[in-house]
Amino acid sequence: MNKIILPLILILLLHSCISSTKTTNYLGQTYPDSIPVIFAPGVVSMEGRLEHGISFTPDRRELAFGVLNKDDFSGEIFYSRRINEKWTEPMVFEPLKNKCVYLPYFSPNGKSLLYTQSQADIDNMQTDVWMVEKINDEWGTPKIIRAPISSTSREANACMTYGGTIYFSSNRNCYGKDNCHTADLFCTKPIGNEYQSVNVISEFISPNDEESVFISPKEDYIIFCRYTDNDTGVDLYISYRDSNKKWIEPQIINSTINSKDWDRRPFVSIDNKFLFFTRLQIGETGLTESDIYWVNTSKLFKPFVYHSLPDTTTIQVGEKFEISIPKDYFKDIDDKQLIYSINQNKFDWLIFDSEQMKLSGKPTVPGDFELIFTAIDRSSNRTHDKIIITVKK
């Protein structure tokens, strides 16, 4: 009896391990690792078709993605729904049929779909922000989100937080300026049921476009694309909010994700486990291919300085000292157990207790000493921060 049962158990366990890498939540696709792969080839990403931007509802029962027309770059939005654990074939989203529309984004509660739509009687590149809401499990009538969000300029895409704050890209700061096409990122917080004013996110302004924005529902990180250089074209960047609610300097995302093609239109799953984005291949004749890629977030999220220290700390030579380091000095979106270290071997008078987060010691010589803190997460991503300890006589 045991000889029969044991092989059966092993077979069931093996089947369980194999099945755990696939899920109907993402059209039955095998989970990706840290290297991006094309998402749902032949279903969503089809060779020769220009897919551009994807979004899932938080319950992962609905998806929407954009498709560009090669001839005039008009756009359509395709939609699929999971019914009885099976996904329907992606078809043009019925409420937006025969409209020139782009870049769908489901709100964090899954009850609204934000997108952009070409302005009437203007070329396809001039777009406004629109929304369609779900009523009694049915999608309703699309409505434009009027000023101050939509404007006479181009609003390229929009997304939303749990609190209803909308982030979007626009080239409105170029309005009335000659030869200016640069887009910036903006946000607007609802007051009651209305959006009354918008603010540019000054921390991200550069000479290049900032667009393709994705805001996390908790508003603790933001991903967008920016032109980097002629070698890599457009790349994805990420920024985090610190303890003072300020955005830290954007960092280019890991080179395992960004490529020499154009990487744009990010979307992160509600559980922060997967990054979806669009990769465009640009040739001598222009855009030749555009597909949706996905990747796990092990190389996306890295430790960041959340609760910064003073740039300089002054202590006295020959006197004992103890300095408490904030336990939230660094943070990581998907890892709460960071490993801390410092360049301690350079200072025989300095002790760092990483468990208690305390610096202590008795300096023996005066001078300025550069102290480098390092935080490492479980995926071996590391971030450094430095302070100066000034020892006076």
Protein backbone atom coordinates (compact mmCIF):
# COMPACT_ATOMS: atom_id res chain seq x y z
CA MET A 1 0.00 0.00 0.00
CA ASN A 2 2.74 2.48 0.98
CA LYS A 3 4.62 1.71 -2.26
CA ILE A 4 1.55 2.83 -4.22
CA ILE A 5 0.71 5.88 -2.12
CA LEU A 6 4.23 7.37 -2.11
CA PRO A 7 4.55 7.68 -5.92
CA LEU A 8 1.06 9.18 -6.05
CA ILE A 9 2.03 11.79 -3.47
CA LEU A 10 5.21 12.63 -5.40
CA ILE A 11 3.24 12.99 -8.62
CA LEU A 12 0.72 15.30 -6.94
CA LEU A 13 3.49 17.40 -5.41
CA LEU A 14 5.28 17.67 -8.75
CA HIS A 15 2.04 18.66 -10.47
CA SER A 16 1.45 21.26 -7.77
CA CYS A 17 4.93 22.76 -8.27
CA ILE A 18 4.45 22.95 -12.03
CA SER A 19 0.94 24.42 -11.78
CA SER A 20 2.04 27.08 -9.27
CA THR A 21 3.99 28.85 -12.02
CA LYS A 22 0.84 29.38 -14.09
CA THR A 23 -2.37 31.19 -13.33
CA THR A 24 -5.65 32.00 -14.99
CA ASN A 25 -5.28 35.47 -13.47
CA TYR A 26 -2.91 36.35 -16.31
CA LEU A 27 -4.40 34.38 -19.19
CA GLY A 28 -2.72 31.18 -17.97
CA GLN A 29 0.73 32.53 -18.71
CA THR A 30 3.81 31.13 -16.97
CA TYR A 31 5.13 33.64 -14.44
CA PRO A 32 8.18 35.55 -15.72
CA ASP A 33 11.47 35.85 -13.84
CA SER A 34 13.69 38.95 -13.68
CA ILE A 35 14.19 39.06 -17.47
CA PRO A 36 11.22 40.56 -19.38
CA VAL A 37 9.31 38.31 -21.78
CA ILE A 38 6.48 39.02 -24.20
CA PHE A 39 3.11 38.81 -22.47
CA ALA A 40 0.53 36.37 -23.92
CA PRO A 41 2.09 36.01 -27.39
CA GLY A 42 -0.50 35.33 -30.06
CA VAL A 43 -3.32 36.48 -27.77
CA VAL A 44 -2.41 39.97 -26.53
CA SER A 45 0.99 40.54 -28.16
CA MET A 46 0.62 39.57 -31.81
CA GLU A 47 3.47 39.73 -34.28
CA GLY A 48 3.05 42.65 -36.66
CA ARG A 49 0.39 44.35 -34.52
CA LEU A 50 1.29 47.42 -32.45
CA GLU A 51 0.10 46.83 -28.88
CA HIS A 52 0.67 49.75 -26.57
CA GLY A 53 -0.20 49.88 -22.86
CA ILE A 54 -2.05 47.33 -20.71
CA SER A 55 -3.99 47.41 -17.46
CA PHE A 56 -5.75 44.89 -15.20
CA THR A 57 -8.53 45.39 -12.69
CA PRO A 58 -7.36 44.76 -9.11
CA ASP A 59 -9.26 41.45 -8.95
CA ARG A 60 -7.49 40.41 -12.19
CA ARG A 61 -10.78 39.53 -13.85
CA GLU A 62 -10.64 42.19 -16.59
CA LEU A 63 -7.89 43.55 -18.80
CA ALA A 64 -7.61 46.26 -21.41
CA PHE A 65 -4.82 47.18 -23.80
CA GLY A 66 -4.28 49.56 -26.69
CA VAL A 67 -3.55 48.83 -30.34
CA LEU A 68 -2.10 51.40 -32.76
CA ASN A 69 -2.91 51.64 -36.44
CA LYS A 70 0.34 51.50 -38.45
CA ASP A 71 -0.88 53.94 -41.09
CA ASP A 72 -2.17 56.92 -39.13
CA PHE A 73 -1.40 55.91 -35.49
CA SER A 74 -5.03 56.06 -34.57
CA GLY A 75 -5.82 53.83 -31.60
CA GLU A 76 -8.25 51.21 -30.37
CA ILE A 77 -8.70 49.66 -26.93
CA PHE A 78 -9.18 45.90 -26.66
CA TYR A 79 -10.87 44.26 -23.70
CA SER A 80 -11.09 40.77 -22.19
CA ARG A 81 -12.91 39.37 -19.18
CA ARG A 82 -12.45 36.21 -17.11
CA ILE A 83 -15.69 34.24 -16.90
CA ASN A 84 -15.79 30.91 -15.04
CA GLU A 85 -11.96 30.99 -14.91
CA LYS A 86 -11.67 31.34 -18.69
CA TRP A 87 -10.67 34.53 -20.47
CA THR A 88 -12.72 35.77 -23.39
CA GLU A 89 -10.96 36.51 -26.65
CA PRO A 90 -9.72 40.14 -26.58
CA MET A 91 -12.05 42.28 -28.68
CA VAL A 92 -12.51 46.00 -29.27
CA PHE A 93 -13.98 47.49 -26.07
CA GLU A 94 -17.63 48.02 -26.98
CA PRO A 95 -18.20 51.39 -25.20
CA LEU A 96 -15.28 52.86 -27.18
CA LYS A 97 -15.94 51.25 -30.53
CA ASN A 98 -15.21 53.50 -33.55
CA LYS A 99 -13.36 55.99 -31.33
CA CYS A 100 -9.69 56.96 -31.58
CA VAL A 101 -8.56 55.99 -28.08
CA TYR A 102 -5.34 55.08 -26.27
CA LEU A 103 -3.69 53.85 -23.09
CA PRO A 104 -6.35 52.34 -20.83
CA TYR A 105 -5.86 52.36 -17.07
CA PHE A 106 -8.23 50.78 -14.56
CA SER A 107 -8.70 52.71 -11.33
CA PRO A 108 -7.50 50.92 -8.16
CA ASN A 109 -11.08 50.04 -7.22
CA GLY A 110 -11.75 48.58 -10.67
CA LYS A 111 -14.86 50.70 -11.18
CA SER A 112 -13.46 53.18 -13.71
CA LEU A 113 -11.34 53.07 -16.84
CA LEU A 114 -9.21 56.10 -17.64
CA TYR A 115 -7.93 56.55 -21.19
CA THR A 116 -7.12 59.26 -23.72
CA GLN A 117 -9.11 60.12 -26.82
CA SER A 118 -8.26 62.23 -29.86
CA GLN A 119 -9.80 65.66 -29.96
CA ALA A 120 -12.46 66.10 -32.64
CA ASP A 121 -11.25 67.46 -36.00
CA ILE A 122 -7.62 67.50 -34.81
CA ASP A 123 -4.84 65.05 -35.62
CA ASN A 124 -4.61 61.86 -33.60
CA MET A 125 -1.74 63.14 -31.48
CA GLN A 126 -3.94 65.73 -29.75
CA THR A 127 -5.68 63.84 -26.95
CA ASP A 128 -7.76 64.51 -23.83
CA VAL A 129 -8.38 62.40 -20.75
CA TRP A 130 -11.66 60.47 -20.66
CA MET A 131 -13.29 58.06 -18.25
CA VAL A 132 -15.90 55.32 -18.44
CA GLU A 133 -17.44 54.03 -15.20
CA LYS A 134 -18.95 50.70 -14.26
CA ILE A 135 -22.55 50.74 -13.06
CA ASN A 136 -24.20 47.51 -11.84
CA ASP A 137 -21.33 45.50 -13.34
CA GLU A 138 -21.83 47.10 -16.77
CA TRP A 139 -19.63 49.73 -18.37
CA GLY A 140 -21.50 52.99 -18.91
CA THR A 141 -21.22 55.99 -21.22
CA PRO A 142 -17.73 57.53 -21.67
CA LYS A 143 -17.24 61.10 -20.48
CA ILE A 144 -14.43 63.57 -20.96
CA ILE A 145 -12.67 64.78 -17.79
CA ARG A 146 -12.73 68.48 -18.52
CA ALA A 147 -10.40 71.29 -17.44
CA PRO A 148 -8.20 71.57 -15.54
CA ILE A 149 -7.18 68.00 -16.50
CA SER A 150 -7.97 68.07 -20.21
CA SER A 151 -6.74 71.16 -22.03
CA THR A 152 -6.01 72.60 -25.47
CA SER A 153 -2.65 70.81 -25.22
CA ARG A 154 -1.94 67.08 -25.43
CA GLU A 155 -2.65 64.90 -22.41
CA ALA A 156 -0.86 61.63 -23.14
CA ASN A 157 -2.09 59.27 -20.39
CA ALA A 158 -3.58 59.27 -16.89
CA CYS A 159 -3.76 57.03 -13.82
CA MET A 160 -5.25 57.23 -10.34
CA THR A 161 -4.55 56.56 -6.63
CA TYR A 162 -6.81 55.03 -3.98
CA GLY A 163 -7.68 58.56 -2.86
CA GLY A 164 -8.74 59.61 -6.36
CA THR A 165 -5.69 61.76 -7.17
CA ILE A 166 -5.05 61.68 -10.90
CA TYR A 167 -1.52 61.74 -12.33
CA PHE A 168 -1.09 62.50 -16.02
CA SER A 169 1.36 63.76 -18.60
CA SER A 170 0.82 66.88 -20.66
CA ASN A 171 2.78 69.30 -22.81
CA ARG A 172 0.69 72.26 -21.58
CA ASN A 173 3.81 74.00 -20.25
CA CYS A 174 4.86 74.39 -23.88
CA TYR A 175 1.65 76.12 -24.88
CA GLY A 176 2.43 79.29 -26.84
CA LYS A 177 6.17 78.53 -27.04
CA ASP A 178 7.86 78.04 -30.39
CA ASN A 179 9.39 74.62 -31.13
CA CYS A 180 8.47 73.27 -27.70
CA HIS A 181 6.99 69.81 -27.45
CA THR A 182 8.26 68.64 -24.08
CA ALA A 183 5.78 66.86 -21.80
CA ASP A 184 5.83 67.01 -17.99
CA LEU A 185 4.03 65.12 -15.25
CA PHE A 186 1.12 66.67 -13.36
CA CYS A 187 -1.23 65.65 -10.58
CA THR A 188 -4.56 66.83 -9.22
CA LYS A 189 -6.31 65.89 -5.99
CA PRO A 190 -10.10 65.86 -5.88
CA ILE A 191 -11.86 68.36 -3.66
CA GLY A 192 -15.27 66.89 -3.04
CA ASN A 193 -16.20 65.42 -6.40
CA GLU A 194 -14.27 67.95 -8.48
CA TYR A 195 -10.73 68.52 -9.73
CA GLN A 196 -10.14 72.25 -9.36
CA SER A 197 -6.42 72.72 -10.04
CA VAL A 198 -3.38 70.82 -11.27
CA ASN A 199 0.23 70.95 -10.14
CA VAL A 200 3.33 70.08 -12.12
CA ILE A 201 5.63 67.63 -10.31
CA SER A 202 8.67 69.87 -10.21
CA GLU A 203 11.06 67.14 -9.01
CA PHE A 204 10.77 65.40 -12.39
CA ILE A 205 11.14 68.31 -14.80
CA SER A 206 13.98 67.87 -17.28
CA PRO A 207 14.83 68.99 -20.83
CA ASN A 208 13.28 65.72 -22.08
CA ASP A 209 9.75 64.33 -22.07
CA GLU A 210 8.36 62.79 -18.90
CA GLU A 211 5.33 60.71 -19.79
CA SER A 212 3.84 57.19 -19.68
CA VAL A 213 3.18 57.70 -15.99
CA PHE A 214 2.11 54.97 -13.56
CA ILE A 215 1.32 55.93 -9.96
CA SER A 216 1.06 53.27 -7.28
CA PRO A 217 -2.41 53.19 -5.67
CA LYS A 218 -0.84 54.07 -2.30
CA GLU A 219 1.07 56.94 -3.97
CA ASP A 220 4.39 55.68 -2.55
CA TYR A 221 6.19 55.24 -5.88
CA ILE A 222 5.87 56.42 -9.44
CA ILE A 223 7.19 55.03 -12.74
CA PHE A 224 7.46 56.98 -15.97
CA CYS A 225 9.48 57.06 -19.16
CA ARG A 226 12.07 59.58 -20.28
CA TYR A 227 14.46 59.83 -23.21
CA THR A 228 17.88 58.72 -21.92
CA ASP A 229 20.34 58.84 -24.82
CA ASN A 230 20.79 57.81 -28.44
CA ASP A 231 21.99 54.34 -27.44
CA THR A 232 18.97 53.29 -25.39
CA GLY A 233 16.32 55.77 -26.53
CA VAL A 234 13.39 55.94 -24.10
CA ASP A 235 13.77 54.17 -20.73
CA LEU A 236 11.70 53.61 -17.62
CA TYR A 237 12.50 55.55 -14.43
CA ILE A 238 11.26 55.13 -10.87
CA SER A 239 10.97 57.49 -7.91
CA TYR A 240 9.81 56.97 -4.33
CA ARG A 241 8.25 59.24 -1.75
CA ASP A 242 10.25 59.90 1.42
CA SER A 243 9.02 60.51 4.97
CA ASN A 244 8.34 64.17 4.11
CA LYS A 245 6.14 63.18 1.14
CA LYS A 246 8.78 64.48 -1.27
CA TRP A 247 9.70 62.59 -4.42
CA ILE A 248 13.33 61.50 -4.43
CA GLU A 249 15.50 61.88 -7.51
CA PRO A 250 14.27 59.48 -10.22
CA GLN A 251 16.52 56.50 -10.92
CA ILE A 252 16.72 54.63 -14.20
CA ILE A 253 15.29 51.14 -13.78
CA ASN A 254 17.63 48.15 -13.82
CA SER A 255 19.24 47.30 -17.16
CA THR A 256 17.75 43.79 -17.00
CA ILE A 257 14.41 45.53 -17.67
CA ASN A 258 15.29 48.55 -19.80
CA SER A 259 16.67 47.77 -23.25
CA LYS A 260 18.12 49.43 -26.32
CA ASP A 261 14.60 49.65 -27.69
CA TRP A 262 12.00 52.12 -26.42
CA ASP A 263 10.53 50.98 -23.11
CA ARG A 264 7.32 52.79 -22.14
CA ARG A 265 3.79 52.54 -20.72
CA PRO A 266 4.40 50.88 -17.33
CA PHE A 267 1.75 49.15 -15.24
CA VAL A 268 2.35 47.26 -11.97
CA SER A 269 0.00 44.58 -10.67
CA ILE A 270 -1.97 45.48 -7.54
CA ASP A 271 0.20 43.14 -5.41
CA ASN A 272 3.44 44.75 -6.69
CA LYS A 273 4.64 41.40 -8.08
CA PHE A 274 4.68 42.09 -11.81
CA LEU A 275 5.64 45.00 -14.05
CA PHE A 276 4.00 45.23 -17.47
CA PHE A 277 5.33 47.64 -20.08
CA THR A 278 5.48 48.29 -23.81
CA ARG A 279 8.64 47.75 -25.83
CA LEU A 280 8.81 49.55 -29.17
CA GLN A 281 11.30 48.71 -31.90
CA ILE A 282 12.27 51.80 -33.86
CA GLY A 283 14.00 51.26 -37.21
CA GLU A 284 15.11 53.50 -40.05
CA THR A 285 11.56 53.53 -41.38
CA GLY A 286 10.04 54.32 -37.97
CA LEU A 287 8.07 52.07 -35.63
CA THR A 288 8.38 48.45 -36.76
CA GLU A 289 7.06 46.45 -33.78
CA SER A 290 5.39 47.10 -30.42
CA ASP A 291 4.61 44.40 -27.86
CA ILE A 292 3.53 44.12 -24.24
CA TYR A 293 6.21 42.65 -21.95
CA TRP A 294 6.06 41.56 -18.34
CA VAL A 295 8.65 40.78 -15.67
CA ASN A 296 8.68 40.08 -11.95
CA THR A 297 9.64 43.02 -9.76
CA SER A 298 12.73 41.54 -8.10
CA LYS A 299 14.93 43.99 -10.02
CA LEU A 300 12.43 46.83 -10.16
CA PHE A 301 12.12 47.72 -6.49
CA LYS A 302 15.29 48.56 -4.59
CA PRO A 303 15.94 50.01 -1.13
CA PHE A 304 15.59 53.79 -1.03
CA VAL A 305 16.32 56.47 1.55
CA TYR A 306 13.00 57.09 3.25
CA HIS A 307 14.00 58.84 6.49
CA SER A 308 17.19 60.71 5.63
CA LEU A 309 19.92 61.63 8.12
CA PRO A 310 21.54 65.05 8.50
CA ASP A 311 24.36 65.50 6.00
CA THR A 312 26.83 66.24 8.79
CA THR A 313 27.02 65.15 12.44
CA THR A 314 29.52 66.75 14.83
CA ILE A 315 31.08 64.97 17.82
CA GLN A 316 34.04 65.61 20.13
CA VAL A 317 37.36 63.78 20.04
CA GLY A 318 37.96 61.61 23.09
CA GLU A 319 34.30 61.66 24.16
CA LYS A 320 31.92 58.70 23.98
CA PHE A 321 28.84 59.18 21.82
CA GLU A 322 25.74 57.28 20.75
CA ILE A 323 23.53 58.18 17.79
CA SER A 324 20.16 56.54 17.07
CA ILE A 325 19.53 55.80 13.39
CA PRO A 326 15.87 55.78 12.26
CA LYS A 327 14.64 52.23 11.80
CA ASP A 328 12.93 53.41 8.62
CA TYR A 329 16.13 55.01 7.32
CA PHE A 330 15.73 52.88 4.18
CA LYS A 331 12.56 51.31 2.81
CA ASP A 332 11.76 48.81 0.08
CA ILE A 333 8.37 48.41 -1.57
CA ASP A 334 8.44 44.61 -1.53
CA ASP A 335 10.90 43.79 1.28
CA LYS A 336 10.66 44.78 4.96
CA GLN A 337 13.75 42.82 6.08
CA LEU A 338 16.68 44.86 4.82
CA ILE A 339 20.28 44.16 5.76
CA TYR A 340 22.29 47.20 6.86
CA SER A 341 26.04 47.72 6.90
CA ILE A 342 28.57 50.56 6.97
CA ASN A 343 32.20 50.99 5.92
CA GLN A 344 33.09 50.30 9.54
CA ASN A 345 36.54 48.82 8.91
CA LYS A 346 37.87 52.30 8.18
CA PHE A 347 37.13 53.54 11.69
CA ASP A 348 38.41 51.42 14.56
CA TRP A 349 36.69 53.75 17.05
CA LEU A 350 33.20 53.35 15.52
CA ILE A 351 30.60 50.65 16.27
CA PHE A 352 27.40 50.12 14.29
CA ASP A 353 24.67 47.95 15.82
CA SER A 354 22.44 47.13 12.83
CA GLU A 355 19.80 45.42 14.99
CA GLN A 356 19.39 48.33 17.40
CA MET A 357 20.22 50.86 14.66
CA LYS A 358 22.74 52.73 16.80
CA LEU A 359 26.13 54.30 16.13
CA SER A 360 28.50 54.57 19.05
CA GLY A 361 32.17 54.95 19.84
CA LYS A 362 34.93 57.18 21.12
CA PRO A 363 36.80 59.04 18.36
CA THR A 364 40.54 59.19 18.75
CA VAL A 365 41.47 61.75 16.09
CA PRO A 366 39.85 64.91 14.74
CA GLY A 367 38.76 65.30 11.14
CA ASP A 368 35.93 64.76 8.67
CA PHE A 369 34.98 61.11 8.14
CA GLU A 370 32.75 59.88 5.32
CA LEU A 371 30.38 57.20 6.55
CA ILE A 372 28.60 55.09 3.90
CA PHE A 373 25.45 53.17 4.84
CA THR A 374 24.35 50.29 2.63
CA ALA A 375 20.94 48.60 2.57
CA ILE A 376 20.50 45.26 0.78
CA ASP A 377 17.22 43.49 0.04
CA ARG A 378 16.51 39.79 -0.48
CA SER A 379 17.09 40.12 -4.25
CA SER A 380 20.59 41.51 -3.59
CA ASN A 381 19.61 44.99 -4.72
CA ARG A 382 21.60 47.53 -2.76
CA THR A 383 21.48 51.27 -2.17
CA HIS A 384 24.07 53.52 -0.52
CA ASP A 385 23.76 56.74 1.42
CA LYS A 386 26.55 58.75 2.97
CA ILE A 387 26.94 61.25 5.78
CA ILE A 388 29.94 63.14 7.16
CA ILE A 389 30.95 62.75 10.78
CA THR A 390 33.00 65.75 11.89
CA VAL A 391 35.21 65.09 14.91
CA LYS A 392 36.36 68.26 16.64
CA LYS A 393 39.09 68.77 19.22
